[in-house]
């Protein structure tokens, strides 16, 4: 319980801009994780194009 209280206090002490940035970064990381296979397929296709 103490861990979550510390995280909550740390988050509440941040400025509004920093809080928003942190939320956006977390959403971007979650999006990358969810679409990882699609991203890797695109990277592989890109490298295969140049190896021809």
C-alpha atoms as a PDB file:
ATOM      1  CA  UNK A   1       0.000   0.000   0.000  1.00  0.00           C
ATOM      2  CA  UNK A   2       2.851   2.349   0.771  1.00  0.00           C
ATOM      3  CA  UNK A   3       4.235   1.953  -2.761  1.00  0.00           C
ATOM      4  CA  UNK A   4       0.984   3.094  -4.386  1.00  0.00           C
ATOM      5  CA  UNK A   5       0.688   6.029  -2.008  1.00  0.00           C
ATOM      6  CA  UNK A   6       4.233   7.118  -2.889  1.00  0.00           C
ATOM      7  CA  UNK A   7       3.491   6.899  -6.620  1.00  0.00           C
ATOM      8  CA  UNK A   8       0.239   8.829  -6.159  1.00  0.00           C
ATOM      9  CA  UNK A   9       1.975  11.568  -4.173  1.00  0.00           C
ATOM     10  CA  UNK A  10       4.758  11.793  -6.759  1.00  0.00           C
ATOM     11  CA  UNK A  11       2.223  12.050  -9.595  1.00  0.00           C
ATOM     12  CA  UNK A  12       0.191  14.715  -7.786  1.00  0.00           C
ATOM     13  CA  UNK A  13       3.303  16.859  -7.253  1.00  0.00           C
ATOM     14  CA  UNK A  14       4.019  17.021 -10.994  1.00  0.00           C
ATOM     15  CA  UNK A  15       3.039  20.040 -13.053  1.00  0.00           C
ATOM     16  CA  UNK A  16      -0.017  19.683 -15.311  1.00  0.00           C
ATOM     17  CA  UNK A  17       2.175  19.696 -18.431  1.00  0.00           C
ATOM     18  CA  UNK A  18       4.366  16.907 -17.056  1.00  0.00           C
ATOM     19  CA  UNK A  19       1.317  14.864 -16.064  1.00  0.00           C
ATOM     20  CA  UNK A  20      -0.135  15.195 -19.558  1.00  0.00           C
ATOM     21  CA  UNK A  21       3.178  14.301 -21.153  1.00  0.00           C
ATOM     22  CA  UNK A  22       3.471  11.228 -18.958  1.00  0.00           C
ATOM     23  CA  UNK A  23      -0.020  10.060 -19.901  1.00  0.00           C
ATOM     24  CA  UNK A  24       0.658  10.571 -23.615  1.00  0.00           C
ATOM     25  CA  UNK A  25       3.955   8.673 -23.389  1.00  0.00           C
ATOM     26  CA  UNK A  26       2.240   5.766 -21.624  1.00  0.00           C
ATOM     27  CA  UNK A  27      -0.463   5.635 -24.326  1.00  0.00           C
ATOM     28  CA  UNK A  28       2.171   5.699 -27.074  1.00  0.00           C
ATOM     29  CA  UNK A  29       4.117   2.859 -25.461  1.00  0.00           C
ATOM     30  CA  UNK A  30       0.913   0.833 -25.084  1.00  0.00           C
ATOM     31  CA  UNK A  31       0.074   1.462 -28.761  1.00  0.00           C
ATOM     32  CA  UNK A  32       3.511   0.343 -29.874  1.00  0.00           C
ATOM     33  CA  UNK A  33       3.241  -2.827 -27.802  1.00  0.00           C
ATOM     34  CA  UNK A  34      -0.198  -3.632 -29.206  1.00  0.00           C
ATOM     35  CA  UNK A  35       0.883  -3.045 -32.815  1.00  0.00           C
ATOM     36  CA  UNK A  36       4.371  -4.576 -32.506  1.00  0.00           C
ATOM     37  CA  UNK A  37       3.873  -7.297 -35.145  1.00  0.00           C
ATOM     38  CA  UNK A  38       2.613  -4.795 -37.722  1.00  0.00           C
ATOM     39  CA  UNK A  39       5.532  -2.440 -37.034  1.00  0.00           C
ATOM     40  CA  UNK A  40       8.089  -5.234 -37.390  1.00  0.00           C
ATOM     41  CA  UNK A  41       6.494  -6.433 -40.648  1.00  0.00           C
ATOM     42  CA  UNK A  42       6.837  -2.911 -42.059  1.00  0.00           C
ATOM     43  CA  UNK A  43      10.470  -2.680 -41.022  1.00  0.00           C
ATOM     44  CA  UNK A  44      11.243  -6.068 -42.585  1.00  0.00           C
ATOM     45  CA  UNK A  45       9.499  -5.074 -45.836  1.00  0.00           C
ATOM     46  CA  UNK A  46      11.524  -1.854 -45.885  1.00  0.00           C
ATOM     47  CA  UNK A  47      14.830  -3.659 -45.493  1.00  0.00           C
ATOM     48  CA  UNK A  48      13.845  -6.328 -48.042  1.00  0.00           C
ATOM     49  CA  UNK A  49      13.103  -3.572 -50.561  1.00  0.00           C
ATOM     50  CA  UNK A  50      16.661  -2.256 -50.311  1.00  0.00           C
ATOM     51  CA  UNK A  51      18.237  -5.717 -50.414  1.00  0.00           C
ATOM     52  CA  UNK A  52      16.907  -6.440 -53.919  1.00  0.00           C
END
